[in-house]
Full PDB file with SEQRES, HELIX, SHEET, SSBOND, CRYST1, ORIGX, SCALE, CONECT and MASTER records, all heavy atoms in Angstrom:
SEQRES   1 A   33  ALA THR VAL HIS GLY SER THR TRP ILE THR ARG ARG MET          
SEQRES   2 A   33  ILE ASP GLY TYR LEU ARG LEU HIS GLN THR GLY GLN ALA          
SEQRES   3 A   33  HIS SER VAL GLU VAL TRP HIS                                  
HELIX    1 AA1 ARG A   11  GLN A   22  1                                  12    
CRYST1    1.000    1.000    1.000  90.00  90.00  90.00 P 1           1          
ORIGX1      1.000000  0.000000  0.000000        0.00000                         
ORIGX2      0.000000  1.000000  0.000000        0.00000                         
ORIGX3      0.000000  0.000000  1.000000        0.00000                         
SCALE1      1.000000  0.000000  0.000000        0.00000                         
SCALE2      0.000000  1.000000  0.000000        0.00000                         
SCALE3      0.000000  0.000000  1.000000        0.00000                         
ATOM      1  N   ALA A   1     116.910  82.818 111.489  1.00  0.00           N  
ATOM      2  CA  ALA A   1     117.026  81.419 111.980  1.00  0.00           C  
ATOM      3  C   ALA A   1     117.303  81.296 113.462  1.00  0.00           C  
ATOM      4  O   ALA A   1     117.003  80.247 114.023  1.00  0.00           O  
ATOM      5  CB  ALA A   1     118.097  80.669 111.207  1.00  0.00           C  
ATOM      6  N   THR A   2     117.858  82.314 114.096  1.00  0.00           N  
ATOM      7  CA  THR A   2     118.321  82.224 115.498  1.00  0.00           C  
ATOM      8  C   THR A   2     117.709  83.190 116.498  1.00  0.00           C  
ATOM      9  O   THR A   2     117.623  82.866 117.721  1.00  0.00           O  
ATOM     10  CB  THR A   2     119.906  82.291 115.518  1.00  0.00           C  
ATOM     11  OG1 THR A   2     120.239  83.570 114.969  1.00  0.00           O  
ATOM     12  CG2 THR A   2     120.467  81.225 114.670  1.00  0.00           C  
ATOM     13  N   VAL A   3     117.423  84.444 116.035  1.00  0.00           N  
ATOM     14  CA  VAL A   3     117.041  85.535 117.081  1.00  0.00           C  
ATOM     15  C   VAL A   3     115.874  85.113 117.916  1.00  0.00           C  
ATOM     16  O   VAL A   3     115.823  85.387 119.062  1.00  0.00           O  
ATOM     17  CB  VAL A   3     116.827  86.808 116.307  1.00  0.00           C  
ATOM     18  CG1 VAL A   3     116.138  87.810 117.152  1.00  0.00           C  
ATOM     19  CG2 VAL A   3     118.104  87.374 115.798  1.00  0.00           C  
ATOM     20  N   HIS A   4     114.843  84.503 117.274  1.00  0.00           N  
ATOM     21  CA  HIS A   4     113.592  84.250 118.118  1.00  0.00           C  
ATOM     22  C   HIS A   4     113.559  82.762 118.552  1.00  0.00           C  
ATOM     23  O   HIS A   4     112.498  82.285 118.696  1.00  0.00           O  
ATOM     24  CB  HIS A   4     112.451  84.499 117.178  1.00  0.00           C  
ATOM     25  CG  HIS A   4     112.331  85.962 116.798  1.00  0.00           C  
ATOM     26  ND1 HIS A   4     112.407  87.065 117.640  1.00  0.00           N  
ATOM     27  CD2 HIS A   4     112.416  86.601 115.546  1.00  0.00           C  
ATOM     28  CE1 HIS A   4     112.452  88.208 116.979  1.00  0.00           C  
ATOM     29  NE2 HIS A   4     112.423  87.940 115.692  1.00  0.00           N  
ATOM     30  N   GLY A   5     114.717  82.090 118.687  1.00  0.00           N  
ATOM     31  CA  GLY A   5     114.782  80.741 119.139  1.00  0.00           C  
ATOM     32  C   GLY A   5     114.818  79.759 118.015  1.00  0.00           C  
ATOM     33  O   GLY A   5     115.023  80.134 116.785  1.00  0.00           O  
ATOM     34  N   SER A   6     114.734  78.442 118.272  1.00  0.00           N  
ATOM     35  CA  SER A   6     114.743  77.485 117.289  1.00  0.00           C  
ATOM     36  C   SER A   6     113.670  77.580 116.200  1.00  0.00           C  
ATOM     37  O   SER A   6     112.509  77.907 116.464  1.00  0.00           O  
ATOM     38  CB  SER A   6     114.616  75.990 117.909  1.00  0.00           C  
ATOM     39  OG  SER A   6     114.673  75.075 116.990  1.00  0.00           O  
ATOM     40  N   THR A   7     114.063  77.562 114.960  1.00  0.00           N  
ATOM     41  CA  THR A   7     113.055  77.762 113.899  1.00  0.00           C  
ATOM     42  C   THR A   7     113.303  76.537 112.876  1.00  0.00           C  
ATOM     43  O   THR A   7     114.143  75.763 112.876  1.00  0.00           O  
ATOM     44  CB  THR A   7     113.340  79.075 113.057  1.00  0.00           C  
ATOM     45  OG1 THR A   7     114.533  79.033 112.388  1.00  0.00           O  
ATOM     46  CG2 THR A   7     113.385  80.201 114.101  1.00  0.00           C  
ATOM     47  N   TRP A   8     112.434  76.617 111.772  1.00  0.00           N  
ATOM     48  CA  TRP A   8     112.493  75.740 110.704  1.00  0.00           C  
ATOM     49  C   TRP A   8     113.572  76.096 109.618  1.00  0.00           C  
ATOM     50  O   TRP A   8     113.813  75.293 108.713  1.00  0.00           O  
ATOM     51  CB  TRP A   8     111.125  75.668 109.878  1.00  0.00           C  
ATOM     52  CG  TRP A   8     110.667  77.058 109.613  1.00  0.00           C  
ATOM     53  CD1 TRP A   8     109.861  77.853 110.442  1.00  0.00           C  
ATOM     54  CD2 TRP A   8     111.023  77.875 108.535  1.00  0.00           C  
ATOM     55  NE1 TRP A   8     109.705  79.117 109.868  1.00  0.00           N  
ATOM     56  CE2 TRP A   8     110.253  79.145 108.726  1.00  0.00           C  
ATOM     57  CE3 TRP A   8     111.700  77.700 107.360  1.00  0.00           C  
ATOM     58  CZ2 TRP A   8     110.379  80.094 107.703  1.00  0.00           C  
ATOM     59  CZ3 TRP A   8     111.811  78.627 106.488  1.00  0.00           C  
ATOM     60  CH2 TRP A   8     111.118  79.874 106.545  1.00  0.00           C  
ATOM     61  N   ILE A   9     114.307  77.191 109.875  1.00  0.00           N  
ATOM     62  CA  ILE A   9     115.324  77.569 109.024  1.00  0.00           C  
ATOM     63  C   ILE A   9     116.571  76.808 109.337  1.00  0.00           C  
ATOM     64  O   ILE A   9     117.523  77.247 110.131  1.00  0.00           O  
ATOM     65  CB  ILE A   9     115.541  79.109 109.027  1.00  0.00           C  
ATOM     66  CG1 ILE A   9     114.268  79.809 108.847  1.00  0.00           C  
ATOM     67  CG2 ILE A   9     116.539  79.530 107.943  1.00  0.00           C  
ATOM     68  CD1 ILE A   9     114.320  81.358 108.962  1.00  0.00           C  
ATOM     69  N   THR A  10     116.716  75.649 108.845  1.00  0.00           N  
ATOM     70  CA  THR A  10     117.842  74.692 109.032  1.00  0.00           C  
ATOM     71  C   THR A  10     119.075  75.248 108.253  1.00  0.00           C  
ATOM     72  O   THR A  10     119.103  76.080 107.461  1.00  0.00           O  
ATOM     73  CB  THR A  10     117.526  73.350 108.646  1.00  0.00           C  
ATOM     74  OG1 THR A  10     117.237  73.251 107.273  1.00  0.00           O  
ATOM     75  CG2 THR A  10     116.231  72.810 109.480  1.00  0.00           C  
ATOM     76  N   ARG A  11     120.166  74.501 108.538  1.00  0.00           N  
ATOM     77  CA  ARG A  11     121.446  74.762 107.840  1.00  0.00           C  
ATOM     78  C   ARG A  11     121.208  74.536 106.388  1.00  0.00           C  
ATOM     79  O   ARG A  11     121.682  75.275 105.534  1.00  0.00           O  
ATOM     80  CB  ARG A  11     122.472  73.825 108.362  1.00  0.00           C  
ATOM     81  CG  ARG A  11     123.840  74.017 107.771  1.00  0.00           C  
ATOM     82  CD  ARG A  11     124.591  75.245 108.236  1.00  0.00           C  
ATOM     83  NE  ARG A  11     124.640  76.312 107.157  1.00  0.00           N  
ATOM     84  CZ  ARG A  11     125.007  77.482 107.213  1.00  0.00           C  
ATOM     85  NH1 ARG A  11     125.476  77.986 108.358  1.00  0.00           N  
ATOM     86  NH2 ARG A  11     125.047  78.327 106.196  1.00  0.00           N  
ATOM     87  N   ARG A  12     120.486  73.529 106.031  1.00  0.00           N  
ATOM     88  CA  ARG A  12     120.225  73.155 104.597  1.00  0.00           C  
ATOM     89  C   ARG A  12     119.406  74.377 103.937  1.00  0.00           C  
ATOM     90  O   ARG A  12     119.694  74.759 102.815  1.00  0.00           O  
ATOM     91  CB  ARG A  12     119.486  71.936 104.377  1.00  0.00           C  
ATOM     92  CG  ARG A  12     120.251  70.583 104.589  1.00  0.00           C  
ATOM     93  CD  ARG A  12     119.342  69.441 104.310  1.00  0.00           C  
ATOM     94  NE  ARG A  12     118.258  69.372 105.269  1.00  0.00           N  
ATOM     95  CZ  ARG A  12     117.231  68.494 105.240  1.00  0.00           C  
ATOM     96  NH1 ARG A  12     117.050  67.748 104.169  1.00  0.00           N  
ATOM     97  NH2 ARG A  12     116.274  68.483 106.133  1.00  0.00           N  
ATOM     98  N   MET A  13     118.445  74.915 104.717  1.00  0.00           N  
ATOM     99  CA  MET A  13     117.700  75.979 104.221  1.00  0.00           C  
ATOM    100  C   MET A  13     118.464  77.226 103.907  1.00  0.00           C  
ATOM    101  O   MET A  13     118.488  77.845 102.889  1.00  0.00           O  
ATOM    102  CB  MET A  13     116.541  76.276 105.162  1.00  0.00           C  
ATOM    103  CG  MET A  13     115.482  75.192 105.253  1.00  0.00           C  
ATOM    104  SD  MET A  13     114.360  75.245 103.810  1.00  0.00           S  
ATOM    105  CE  MET A  13     113.310  76.576 104.151  1.00  0.00           C  
ATOM    106  N   ILE A  14     119.449  77.491 104.944  1.00  0.00           N  
ATOM    107  CA  ILE A  14     120.277  78.619 104.817  1.00  0.00           C  
ATOM    108  C   ILE A  14     121.139  78.552 103.588  1.00  0.00           C  
ATOM    109  O   ILE A  14     121.313  79.501 102.792  1.00  0.00           O  
ATOM    110  CB  ILE A  14     121.086  78.844 106.059  1.00  0.00           C  
ATOM    111  CG1 ILE A  14     120.165  79.306 107.256  1.00  0.00           C  
ATOM    112  CG2 ILE A  14     122.255  79.945 105.847  1.00  0.00           C  
ATOM    113  CD1 ILE A  14     120.898  79.311 108.612  1.00  0.00           C  
ATOM    114  N   ASP A  15     121.787  77.379 103.382  1.00  0.00           N  
ATOM    115  CA  ASP A  15     122.696  77.157 102.298  1.00  0.00           C  
ATOM    116  C   ASP A  15     121.899  77.182 100.945  1.00  0.00           C  
ATOM    117  O   ASP A  15     122.462  77.831  99.986  1.00  0.00           O  
ATOM    118  CB  ASP A  15     123.334  75.725 102.403  1.00  0.00           C  
ATOM    119  CG  ASP A  15     124.342  75.689 103.521  1.00  0.00           C  
ATOM    120  OD1 ASP A  15     124.765  76.731 104.089  1.00  0.00           O  
ATOM    121  OD2 ASP A  15     124.726  74.632 103.868  1.00  0.00           O  
ATOM    122  N   GLY A  16     120.712  76.608 100.887  1.00  0.00           N  
ATOM    123  CA  GLY A  16     119.952  76.720  99.638  1.00  0.00           C  
ATOM    124  C   GLY A  16     119.493  78.091  99.302  1.00  0.00           C  
ATOM    125  O   GLY A  16     119.595  78.544  98.158  1.00  0.00           O  
ATOM    126  N   TYR A  17     119.120  78.875 100.281  1.00  0.00           N  
ATOM    127  CA  TYR A  17     118.682  80.348  99.944  1.00  0.00           C  
ATOM    128  C   TYR A  17     119.939  81.261  99.682  1.00  0.00           C  
ATOM    129  O   TYR A  17     119.769  82.194  99.002  1.00  0.00           O  
ATOM    130  CB  TYR A  17     117.733  80.880 101.023  1.00  0.00           C  
ATOM    131  CG  TYR A  17     116.396  80.272 100.884  1.00  0.00           C  
ATOM    132  CD1 TYR A  17     116.116  79.048 101.493  1.00  0.00           C  
ATOM    133  CD2 TYR A  17     115.359  80.882 100.068  1.00  0.00           C  
ATOM    134  CE1 TYR A  17     114.865  78.479 101.387  1.00  0.00           C  
ATOM    135  CE2 TYR A  17     114.216  80.275  99.924  1.00  0.00           C  
ATOM    136  CZ  TYR A  17     113.848  79.103 100.599  1.00  0.00           C  
ATOM    137  OH  TYR A  17     112.587  78.540 100.438  1.00  0.00           O  
ATOM    138  N   LEU A  18     121.035  80.883 100.311  1.00  0.00           N  
ATOM    139  CA  LEU A  18     122.201  81.681 100.033  1.00  0.00           C  
ATOM    140  C   LEU A  18     122.580  81.428  98.503  1.00  0.00           C  
ATOM    141  O   LEU A  18     123.040  82.355  97.869  1.00  0.00           O  
ATOM    142  CB  LEU A  18     123.461  81.275 100.949  1.00  0.00           C  
ATOM    143  CG  LEU A  18     123.365  81.926 102.400  1.00  0.00           C  
ATOM    144  CD1 LEU A  18     124.458  81.263 103.200  1.00  0.00           C  
ATOM    145  CD2 LEU A  18     123.521  83.394 102.339  1.00  0.00           C  
ATOM    146  N   ARG A  19     122.492  80.179  98.094  1.00  0.00           N  
ATOM    147  CA  ARG A  19     122.813  79.871  96.638  1.00  0.00           C  
ATOM    148  C   ARG A  19     121.813  80.676  95.799  1.00  0.00           C  
ATOM    149  O   ARG A  19     122.212  81.161  94.658  1.00  0.00           O  
ATOM    150  CB  ARG A  19     122.796  78.434  96.352  1.00  0.00           C  
ATOM    151  CG  ARG A  19     123.949  77.709  97.043  1.00  0.00           C  
ATOM    152  CD  ARG A  19     124.029  76.248  96.356  1.00  0.00           C  
ATOM    153  NE  ARG A  19     122.820  75.395  96.710  1.00  0.00           N  
ATOM    154  CZ  ARG A  19     122.697  74.694  97.860  1.00  0.00           C  
ATOM    155  NH1 ARG A  19     123.647  74.709  98.714  1.00  0.00           N  
ATOM    156  NH2 ARG A  19     121.636  73.983  97.985  1.00  0.00           N  
ATOM    157  N   LEU A  20     120.546  80.626  96.229  1.00  0.00           N  
ATOM    158  CA  LEU A  20     119.503  81.381  95.388  1.00  0.00           C  
ATOM    159  C   LEU A  20     119.699  82.823  95.406  1.00  0.00           C  
ATOM    160  O   LEU A  20     119.584  83.527  94.279  1.00  0.00           O  
ATOM    161  CB  LEU A  20     118.156  81.067  95.866  1.00  0.00           C  
ATOM    162  CG  LEU A  20     116.962  81.401  94.923  1.00  0.00           C  
ATOM    163  CD1 LEU A  20     117.023  80.603  93.629  1.00  0.00           C  
ATOM    164  CD2 LEU A  20     115.646  81.188  95.610  1.00  0.00           C  
ATOM    165  N   HIS A  21     120.257  83.472  96.454  1.00  0.00           N  
ATOM    166  CA  HIS A  21     120.668  84.773  96.477  1.00  0.00           C  
ATOM    167  C   HIS A  21     121.730  85.131  95.508  1.00  0.00           C  
ATOM    168  O   HIS A  21     121.755  86.236  94.783  1.00  0.00           O  
ATOM    169  CB  HIS A  21     121.021  85.216  97.917  1.00  0.00           C  
ATOM    170  CG  HIS A  21     121.562  86.626  97.999  1.00  0.00           C  
ATOM    171  ND1 HIS A  21     120.758  87.739  97.822  1.00  0.00           N  
ATOM    172  CD2 HIS A  21     122.827  87.006  98.353  1.00  0.00           C  
ATOM    173  CE1 HIS A  21     121.472  88.842  97.994  1.00  0.00           C  
ATOM    174  NE2 HIS A  21     122.731  88.447  98.261  1.00  0.00           N  
ATOM    175  N   GLN A  22     122.681  84.188  95.409  1.00  0.00           N  
ATOM    176  CA  GLN A  22     123.813  84.350  94.469  1.00  0.00           C  
ATOM    177  C   GLN A  22     123.458  84.466  92.991  1.00  0.00           C  
ATOM    178  O   GLN A  22     123.987  84.978  92.186  1.00  0.00           O  
ATOM    179  CB  GLN A  22     124.858  83.284  94.715  1.00  0.00           C  
ATOM    180  CG  GLN A  22     125.586  83.425  96.103  1.00  0.00           C  
ATOM    181  CD  GLN A  22     126.356  82.164  96.421  1.00  0.00           C  
ATOM    182  OE1 GLN A  22     126.475  81.203  95.650  1.00  0.00           O  
ATOM    183  NE2 GLN A  22     126.965  82.255  97.570  1.00  0.00           N  
ATOM    184  N   THR A  23     122.203  83.736  92.676  1.00  0.00           N  
ATOM    185  CA  THR A  23     121.673  83.766  91.342  1.00  0.00           C  
ATOM    186  C   THR A  23     120.889  85.117  91.122  1.00  0.00           C  
ATOM    187  O   THR A  23     120.428  85.359  89.976  1.00  0.00           O  
ATOM    188  CB  THR A  23     120.770  82.610  91.049  1.00  0.00           C  
ATOM    189  OG1 THR A  23     119.515  82.700  91.797  1.00  0.00           O  
ATOM    190  CG2 THR A  23     121.419  81.291  91.453  1.00  0.00           C  
ATOM    191  N   GLY A  24     120.654  85.896  92.185  1.00  0.00           N  
ATOM    192  CA  GLY A  24     119.897  87.137  92.013  1.00  0.00           C  
ATOM    193  C   GLY A  24     118.465  86.988  92.118  1.00  0.00           C  
ATOM    194  O   GLY A  24     117.690  87.869  91.869  1.00  0.00           O  
ATOM    195  N   GLN A  25     117.970  85.840  92.801  1.00  0.00           N  
ATOM    196  CA  GLN A  25     116.594  85.690  92.977  1.00  0.00           C  
ATOM    197  C   GLN A  25     116.002  85.488  94.419  1.00  0.00           C  
ATOM    198  O   GLN A  25     114.835  85.353  94.560  1.00  0.00           O  
ATOM    199  CB  GLN A  25     115.979  84.491  92.137  1.00  0.00           C  
ATOM    200  CG  GLN A  25     116.188  84.816  90.574  1.00  0.00           C  
ATOM    201  CD  GLN A  25     115.516  83.843  89.661  1.00  0.00           C  
ATOM    202  OE1 GLN A  25     115.955  82.853  89.314  1.00  0.00           O  
ATOM    203  NE2 GLN A  25     114.261  84.186  89.345  1.00  0.00           N  
ATOM    204  N   ALA A  26     116.885  85.587  95.266  1.00  0.00           N  
ATOM    205  CA  ALA A  26     116.537  85.718  96.781  1.00  0.00           C  
ATOM    206  C   ALA A  26     117.128  87.071  97.238  1.00  0.00           C  
ATOM    207  O   ALA A  26     118.223  87.467  96.992  1.00  0.00           O  
ATOM    208  CB  ALA A  26     117.127  84.550  97.536  1.00  0.00           C  
ATOM    209  N   HIS A  27     116.226  87.710  97.943  1.00  0.00           N  
ATOM    210  CA  HIS A  27     116.559  89.152  98.357  1.00  0.00           C  
ATOM    211  C   HIS A  27     116.249  89.413  99.873  1.00  0.00           C  
ATOM    212  O   HIS A  27     115.475  88.658 100.402  1.00  0.00           O  
ATOM    213  CB  HIS A  27     115.879  90.086  97.440  1.00  0.00           C  
ATOM    214  CG  HIS A  27     116.034  89.940  96.089  1.00  0.00           C  
ATOM    215  ND1 HIS A  27     117.132  90.562  95.389  1.00  0.00           N  
ATOM    216  CD2 HIS A  27     115.325  89.285  95.038  1.00  0.00           C  
ATOM    217  CE1 HIS A  27     117.111  90.201  94.087  1.00  0.00           C  
ATOM    218  NE2 HIS A  27     116.072  89.382  93.898  1.00  0.00           N  
ATOM    219  N   SER A  28     116.854  90.474 100.329  1.00  0.00           N  
ATOM    220  CA  SER A  28     116.706  90.856 101.704  1.00  0.00           C  
ATOM    221  C   SER A  28     116.432  92.298 101.837  1.00  0.00           C  
ATOM    222  O   SER A  28     116.866  93.178 101.032  1.00  0.00           O  
ATOM    223  CB  SER A  28     117.863  90.386 102.602  1.00  0.00           C  
ATOM    224  OG  SER A  28     119.092  90.970 102.141  1.00  0.00           O  
ATOM    225  N   VAL A  29     115.798  92.682 102.951  1.00  0.00           N  
ATOM    226  CA  VAL A  29     115.659  94.108 103.307  1.00  0.00           C  
ATOM    227  C   VAL A  29     116.229  94.160 104.783  1.00  0.00           C  
ATOM    228  O   VAL A  29     116.006  93.290 105.613  1.00  0.00           O  
ATOM    229  CB  VAL A  29     114.193  94.531 103.399  1.00  0.00           C  
ATOM    230  CG1 VAL A  29     114.091  95.985 103.868  1.00  0.00           C  
ATOM    231  CG2 VAL A  29     113.496  94.297 102.109  1.00  0.00           C  
ATOM    232  N   GLU A  30     117.168  95.059 104.931  1.00  0.00           N  
ATOM    233  CA  GLU A  30     117.920  95.215 106.262  1.00  0.00           C  
ATOM    234  C   GLU A  30     117.515  96.499 106.848  1.00  0.00           C  
ATOM    235  O   GLU A  30     117.294  97.568 106.314  1.00  0.00           O  
ATOM    236  CB  GLU A  30     119.417  95.260 106.039  1.00  0.00           C  
ATOM    237  CG  GLU A  30     119.993  93.944 105.401  1.00  0.00           C  
ATOM    238  CD  GLU A  30     119.980  94.086 103.830  1.00  0.00           C  
ATOM    239  OE1 GLU A  30     119.817  95.177 103.262  1.00  0.00           O  
ATOM    240  OE2 GLU A  30     120.078  93.044 103.073  1.00  0.00           O  
ATOM    241  N   VAL A  31     117.334  96.489 108.183  1.00  0.00           N  
ATOM    242  CA  VAL A  31     117.028  97.717 109.023  1.00  0.00           C  
ATOM    243  C   VAL A  31     118.074  97.826 109.971  1.00  0.00           C  
ATOM    244  O   VAL A  31     118.310  96.940 110.869  1.00  0.00           O  
ATOM    245  CB  VAL A  31     115.588  97.485 109.702  1.00  0.00           C  
ATOM    246  CG1 VAL A  31     115.343  98.731 110.571  1.00  0.00           C  
ATOM    247  CG2 VAL A  31     114.452  97.280 108.656  1.00  0.00           C  
ATOM    248  N   TRP A  32     118.733  99.000 109.918  1.00  0.00           N  
ATOM    249  CA  TRP A  32     119.901  99.159 110.788  1.00  0.00           C  
ATOM    250  C   TRP A  32     119.592 100.291 111.827  1.00  0.00           C  
ATOM    251  O   TRP A  32     118.891 101.313 111.584  1.00  0.00           O  
ATOM    252  CB  TRP A  32     121.129  99.614 109.935  1.00  0.00           C  
ATOM    253  CG  TRP A  32     121.390  98.737 108.826  1.00  0.00           C  
ATOM    254  CD1 TRP A  32     120.820  98.763 107.510  1.00  0.00           C  
ATOM    255  CD2 TRP A  32     122.298  97.747 108.794  1.00  0.00           C  
ATOM    256  NE1 TRP A  32     121.316  97.755 106.781  1.00  0.00           N  
ATOM    257  CE2 TRP A  32     122.369  97.066 107.439  1.00  0.00           C  
ATOM    258  CE3 TRP A  32     123.233  97.149 109.654  1.00  0.00           C  
ATOM    259  CZ2 TRP A  32     123.120  96.124 107.050  1.00  0.00           C  
ATOM    260  CZ3 TRP A  32     124.129  96.199 109.354  1.00  0.00           C  
ATOM    261  CH2 TRP A  32     124.050  95.606 108.048  1.00  0.00           C  
ATOM    262  N   HIS A  33     120.284 100.193 112.984  1.00  0.00           N  
ATOM    263  CA  HIS A  33     120.320 101.300 114.050  1.00  0.00           C  
ATOM    264  C   HIS A  33     121.674 101.358 114.528  1.00  0.00           C  
ATOM    265  O   HIS A  33     122.275 100.364 115.125  1.00  0.00           O  
ATOM    266  CB  HIS A  33     119.298 100.872 115.113  1.00  0.00           C  
ATOM    267  CG  HIS A  33     119.278 101.908 116.253  1.00  0.00           C  
ATOM    268  ND1 HIS A  33     118.658 103.201 116.051  1.00  0.00           N  
ATOM    269  CD2 HIS A  33     119.734 101.829 117.451  1.00  0.00           C  
ATOM    270  CE1 HIS A  33     118.851 103.784 117.240  1.00  0.00           C  
ATOM    271  NE2 HIS A  33     119.547 103.044 118.126  1.00  0.00           N  
TER     272      HIS A  33                                                      
MASTER        0    0    0    1    0    0    0    6  271    1    0    3          
END                                                                             
C-alpha cells in the first residue's frame, strides 16, 4: 500500500484482507534479506 507511493490499497482494503487472512483464504509470500 505504501512503498511505491499512493495506491488503491486503502485502509478499508487492508482491514478487509486482514480479516480474510484470518479466515485462512488470503495469503502472502515474503522475501527477506
